[in-house]
Amino acid sequence: MRNEKRTLSYKELGEIDHLYSKANSIHDEARRQLQSYSFDLAVRRSQEAVELHIKTIFRLTGKEYPRSHDLEKMIYDISMLLGGYGVSREEVARMVL
């Protein structure tokens, strides 16, 4: 697979920024839940934040987010695409974990 530069429209950039901001907001909420010892809610909100961050990466790279939650098949393609943005395979592996 070739790494081709992708041009994003302002609308796409706005949608990506919205997803990223929402993921960060939910992550902050998860942190507050953790600090108040609401572990079940902290885990739920953390999972939601991670899913939104992953969707953000898919949107940024122009890939369709898979309907199944099995991302294993897409990991290699995504790692190659993110390499074009300076993200190493090790960093992708940490994201997956």
N, C-alpha and C. Protein backbone atom coordinates (compact mmCIF):
# COMPACT_ATOMS: atom_id res chain seq x y z
N MET A 1 0.84 -1.18 0.00
CA MET A 1 0.00 0.00 0.00
C MET A 1 0.88 1.24 0.00
N ARG A 2 0.61 2.16 -0.87
CA ARG A 2 1.39 3.40 -0.96
C ARG A 2 0.84 4.42 0.01
N ASN A 3 1.75 5.19 0.59
CA ASN A 3 1.35 6.31 1.43
C ASN A 3 1.11 7.51 0.54
N GLU A 4 -0.12 7.86 0.32
CA GLU A 4 -0.45 9.01 -0.50
C GLU A 4 -0.93 10.13 0.41
N LYS A 5 -0.50 11.34 0.09
CA LYS A 5 -0.96 12.49 0.86
C LYS A 5 -2.45 12.70 0.59
N ARG A 6 -3.17 12.93 1.63
CA ARG A 6 -4.61 13.10 1.54
C ARG A 6 -4.94 14.54 1.84
N THR A 7 -5.76 15.16 1.02
CA THR A 7 -6.19 16.53 1.25
C THR A 7 -7.57 16.49 1.90
N LEU A 8 -7.67 17.13 3.04
CA LEU A 8 -8.93 17.17 3.78
C LEU A 8 -9.64 18.49 3.55
N SER A 9 -10.94 18.42 3.40
CA SER A 9 -11.73 19.65 3.25
C SER A 9 -11.90 20.29 4.63
N TYR A 10 -12.33 21.54 4.64
CA TYR A 10 -12.60 22.21 5.91
C TYR A 10 -13.69 21.49 6.70
N LYS A 11 -14.68 20.97 5.97
CA LYS A 11 -15.75 20.24 6.63
C LYS A 11 -15.21 18.99 7.32
N GLU A 12 -14.36 18.23 6.59
CA GLU A 12 -13.76 17.02 7.18
C GLU A 12 -12.89 17.37 8.38
N LEU A 13 -12.09 18.43 8.25
CA LEU A 13 -11.26 18.86 9.37
C LEU A 13 -12.10 19.25 10.58
N GLY A 14 -13.22 19.91 10.33
CA GLY A 14 -14.12 20.28 11.41
C GLY A 14 -14.72 19.07 12.10
N GLU A 15 -15.11 18.07 11.30
CA GLU A 15 -15.67 16.85 11.87
C GLU A 15 -14.62 16.08 12.67
N ILE A 16 -13.40 16.03 12.16
CA ILE A 16 -12.31 15.36 12.87
C ILE A 16 -12.02 16.09 14.18
N ASP A 17 -11.96 17.41 14.13
CA ASP A 17 -11.72 18.20 15.33
C ASP A 17 -12.83 17.99 16.35
N HIS A 18 -14.07 17.91 15.89
CA HIS A 18 -15.20 17.68 16.79
C HIS A 18 -15.08 16.31 17.48
N LEU A 19 -14.76 15.27 16.71
CA LEU A 19 -14.58 13.93 17.30
C LEU A 19 -13.46 13.94 18.33
N TYR A 20 -12.33 14.57 17.97
CA TYR A 20 -11.18 14.62 18.86
C TYR A 20 -11.52 15.37 20.16
N SER A 21 -12.20 16.50 20.02
CA SER A 21 -12.59 17.28 21.20
C SER A 21 -13.56 16.50 22.08
N LYS A 22 -14.49 15.81 21.46
CA LYS A 22 -15.46 15.01 22.21
C LYS A 22 -14.76 13.88 22.96
N ALA A 23 -13.81 13.22 22.27
CA ALA A 23 -13.05 12.15 22.91
C ALA A 23 -12.28 12.68 24.12
N ASN A 24 -11.66 13.84 23.97
CA ASN A 24 -10.92 14.43 25.09
C ASN A 24 -11.83 14.80 26.25
N SER A 25 -13.00 15.32 25.94
CA SER A 25 -13.97 15.67 26.97
C SER A 25 -14.42 14.43 27.75
N ILE A 26 -14.70 13.37 27.03
CA ILE A 26 -15.12 12.12 27.67
C ILE A 26 -13.97 11.53 28.49
N HIS A 27 -12.75 11.67 27.98
CA HIS A 27 -11.57 11.20 28.73
C HIS A 27 -11.45 11.98 30.05
N ASP A 28 -11.66 13.28 30.01
CA ASP A 28 -11.62 14.09 31.23
C ASP A 28 -12.69 13.64 32.21
N GLU A 29 -13.86 13.32 31.70
CA GLU A 29 -14.94 12.83 32.56
C GLU A 29 -14.55 11.49 33.19
N ALA A 30 -13.94 10.63 32.42
CA ALA A 30 -13.49 9.33 32.95
C ALA A 30 -12.49 9.54 34.08
N ARG A 31 -11.60 10.49 33.91
CA ARG A 31 -10.61 10.79 34.95
C ARG A 31 -11.29 11.29 36.23
N ARG A 32 -12.31 12.12 36.07
CA ARG A 32 -13.06 12.60 37.25
C ARG A 32 -13.78 11.44 37.94
N GLN A 33 -14.35 10.54 37.16
CA GLN A 33 -15.02 9.37 37.74
C GLN A 33 -14.02 8.51 38.51
N LEU A 34 -12.84 8.36 37.97
CA LEU A 34 -11.79 7.58 38.64
C LEU A 34 -11.40 8.23 39.96
N GLN A 35 -11.26 9.55 39.95
CA GLN A 35 -10.88 10.27 41.16
C GLN A 35 -11.96 10.21 42.24
N SER A 36 -13.21 10.01 41.81
CA SER A 36 -14.31 9.90 42.79
C SER A 36 -14.64 8.44 43.10
N TYR A 37 -13.72 7.54 42.69
CA TYR A 37 -13.83 6.10 42.98
C TYR A 37 -15.04 5.43 42.33
N SER A 38 -15.54 6.00 41.27
CA SER A 38 -16.62 5.37 40.48
C SER A 38 -15.96 4.57 39.36
N PHE A 39 -15.37 3.45 39.75
CA PHE A 39 -14.54 2.70 38.82
C PHE A 39 -15.32 2.16 37.62
N ASP A 40 -16.55 1.72 37.84
CA ASP A 40 -17.32 1.19 36.72
C ASP A 40 -17.59 2.27 35.67
N LEU A 41 -17.93 3.47 36.12
CA LEU A 41 -18.19 4.57 35.19
C LEU A 41 -16.88 5.04 34.54
N ALA A 42 -15.80 5.01 35.30
CA ALA A 42 -14.50 5.41 34.74
C ALA A 42 -14.09 4.48 33.61
N VAL A 43 -14.30 3.19 33.79
CA VAL A 43 -13.95 2.23 32.75
C VAL A 43 -14.83 2.43 31.52
N ARG A 44 -16.13 2.60 31.73
CA ARG A 44 -17.05 2.79 30.61
C ARG A 44 -16.71 4.03 29.80
N ARG A 45 -16.48 5.13 30.51
CA ARG A 45 -16.18 6.38 29.82
C ARG A 45 -14.81 6.33 29.14
N SER A 46 -13.85 5.63 29.76
CA SER A 46 -12.53 5.47 29.15
C SER A 46 -12.64 4.70 27.84
N GLN A 47 -13.42 3.64 27.86
CA GLN A 47 -13.61 2.84 26.65
C GLN A 47 -14.24 3.70 25.55
N GLU A 48 -15.22 4.49 25.92
CA GLU A 48 -15.87 5.36 24.94
C GLU A 48 -14.88 6.37 24.37
N ALA A 49 -14.02 6.93 25.22
CA ALA A 49 -13.02 7.90 24.76
C ALA A 49 -12.04 7.25 23.79
N VAL A 50 -11.59 6.04 24.12
CA VAL A 50 -10.65 5.33 23.24
C VAL A 50 -11.30 5.06 21.89
N GLU A 51 -12.55 4.63 21.89
CA GLU A 51 -13.26 4.36 20.63
C GLU A 51 -13.36 5.62 19.78
N LEU A 52 -13.64 6.75 20.41
CA LEU A 52 -13.73 8.00 19.65
C LEU A 52 -12.37 8.44 19.12
N HIS A 53 -11.32 8.22 19.90
CA HIS A 53 -9.98 8.55 19.41
C HIS A 53 -9.64 7.67 18.20
N ILE A 54 -10.00 6.41 18.25
CA ILE A 54 -9.74 5.51 17.12
C ILE A 54 -10.55 5.95 15.90
N LYS A 55 -11.80 6.33 16.11
CA LYS A 55 -12.60 6.83 14.99
C LYS A 55 -11.97 8.08 14.39
N THR A 56 -11.40 8.91 15.26
CA THR A 56 -10.72 10.12 14.78
C THR A 56 -9.56 9.75 13.87
N ILE A 57 -8.79 8.75 14.26
CA ILE A 57 -7.66 8.31 13.44
C ILE A 57 -8.15 7.78 12.10
N PHE A 58 -9.22 6.99 12.13
CA PHE A 58 -9.78 6.47 10.88
C PHE A 58 -10.23 7.61 9.97
N ARG A 59 -10.91 8.59 10.54
CA ARG A 59 -11.38 9.73 9.72
C ARG A 59 -10.20 10.51 9.16
N LEU A 60 -9.17 10.72 9.97
CA LEU A 60 -8.00 11.47 9.53
C LEU A 60 -7.30 10.78 8.38
N THR A 61 -7.25 9.45 8.43
CA THR A 61 -6.55 8.70 7.39
C THR A 61 -7.44 8.34 6.21
N GLY A 62 -8.72 8.66 6.29
CA GLY A 62 -9.62 8.40 5.18
C GLY A 62 -10.15 6.99 5.10
N LYS A 63 -9.98 6.24 6.16
CA LYS A 63 -10.48 4.87 6.21
C LYS A 63 -11.86 4.85 6.84
N GLU A 64 -12.66 3.90 6.42
CA GLU A 64 -13.99 3.70 7.00
C GLU A 64 -13.84 2.91 8.30
N TYR A 65 -14.46 3.39 9.36
CA TYR A 65 -14.42 2.68 10.64
C TYR A 65 -15.21 1.38 10.49
N PRO A 66 -14.59 0.24 10.80
CA PRO A 66 -15.28 -1.04 10.60
C PRO A 66 -16.49 -1.18 11.51
N ARG A 67 -17.52 -1.82 11.00
CA ARG A 67 -18.74 -2.03 11.79
C ARG A 67 -18.50 -3.03 12.91
N SER A 68 -17.65 -4.01 12.65
CA SER A 68 -17.33 -4.96 13.73
C SER A 68 -16.26 -4.31 14.60
N HIS A 69 -16.14 -4.77 15.80
CA HIS A 69 -15.16 -4.19 16.71
C HIS A 69 -13.83 -4.93 16.62
N ASP A 70 -13.67 -5.76 15.60
CA ASP A 70 -12.41 -6.47 15.38
C ASP A 70 -11.55 -5.61 14.46
N LEU A 71 -10.64 -4.86 15.05
CA LEU A 71 -9.82 -3.94 14.28
C LEU A 71 -8.52 -4.58 13.81
N GLU A 72 -8.31 -5.82 14.17
CA GLU A 72 -7.04 -6.49 13.88
C GLU A 72 -6.67 -6.42 12.40
N LYS A 73 -7.64 -6.60 11.53
CA LYS A 73 -7.37 -6.61 10.10
C LYS A 73 -6.94 -5.24 9.58
N MET A 74 -7.36 -4.19 10.27
CA MET A 74 -7.08 -2.84 9.81
C MET A 74 -5.79 -2.27 10.39
N ILE A 75 -5.25 -2.91 11.42
CA ILE A 75 -4.11 -2.34 12.14
C ILE A 75 -2.92 -2.09 11.22
N TYR A 76 -2.59 -3.04 10.38
CA TYR A 76 -1.43 -2.88 9.51
C TYR A 76 -1.63 -1.68 8.57
N ASP A 77 -2.78 -1.61 7.92
CA ASP A 77 -3.04 -0.49 7.01
C ASP A 77 -2.96 0.84 7.74
N ILE A 78 -3.56 0.89 8.90
CA ILE A 78 -3.55 2.14 9.67
C ILE A 78 -2.13 2.50 10.09
N SER A 79 -1.34 1.50 10.51
CA SER A 79 0.03 1.80 10.93
C SER A 79 0.84 2.35 9.75
N MET A 80 0.59 1.84 8.57
CA MET A 80 1.29 2.35 7.38
C MET A 80 0.86 3.79 7.08
N LEU A 81 -0.43 4.05 7.18
CA LEU A 81 -0.93 5.41 6.92
C LEU A 81 -0.40 6.40 7.96
N LEU A 82 -0.42 6.00 9.23
CA LEU A 82 0.05 6.89 10.30
C LEU A 82 1.55 7.12 10.19
N GLY A 83 2.28 6.16 9.60
CA GLY A 83 3.71 6.36 9.38
C GLY A 83 3.98 7.60 8.55
N GLY A 84 3.07 7.91 7.63
CA GLY A 84 3.20 9.11 6.82
C GLY A 84 3.03 10.39 7.62
N TYR A 85 2.46 10.27 8.82
CA TYR A 85 2.29 11.42 9.71
C TYR A 85 3.33 11.41 10.83
N GLY A 86 4.33 10.53 10.72
CA GLY A 86 5.39 10.49 11.71
C GLY A 86 5.10 9.64 12.93
N VAL A 87 4.06 8.82 12.88
CA VAL A 87 3.72 7.94 14.00
C VAL A 87 4.39 6.59 13.76
N SER A 88 5.21 6.15 14.72
CA SER A 88 5.95 4.89 14.55
C SER A 88 5.04 3.69 14.78
N ARG A 89 5.50 2.54 14.33
CA ARG A 89 4.74 1.30 14.55
C ARG A 89 4.63 0.99 16.04
N GLU A 90 5.67 1.35 16.80
CA GLU A 90 5.63 1.13 18.25
C GLU A 90 4.52 1.97 18.89
N GLU A 91 4.36 3.20 18.42
CA GLU A 91 3.30 4.06 18.95
C GLU A 91 1.92 3.50 18.57
N VAL A 92 1.80 2.98 17.37
CA VAL A 92 0.54 2.35 16.97
C VAL A 92 0.26 1.15 17.86
N ALA A 93 1.29 0.35 18.14
CA ALA A 93 1.12 -0.83 19.01
C ALA A 93 0.65 -0.41 20.40
N ARG A 94 1.19 0.70 20.92
CA ARG A 94 0.74 1.19 22.23
C ARG A 94 -0.72 1.63 22.17
N MET A 95 -1.11 2.27 21.07
CA MET A 95 -2.52 2.67 20.92
C MET A 95 -3.44 1.47 20.93
N VAL A 96 -3.01 0.42 20.24
CA VAL A 96 -3.83 -0.80 20.16
C VAL A 96 -4.00 -1.41 21.54
N LEU A 97 -2.89 -1.47 22.29
CA LEU A 97 -2.97 -2.06 23.64
C LEU A 97 -3.82 -1.22 24.54
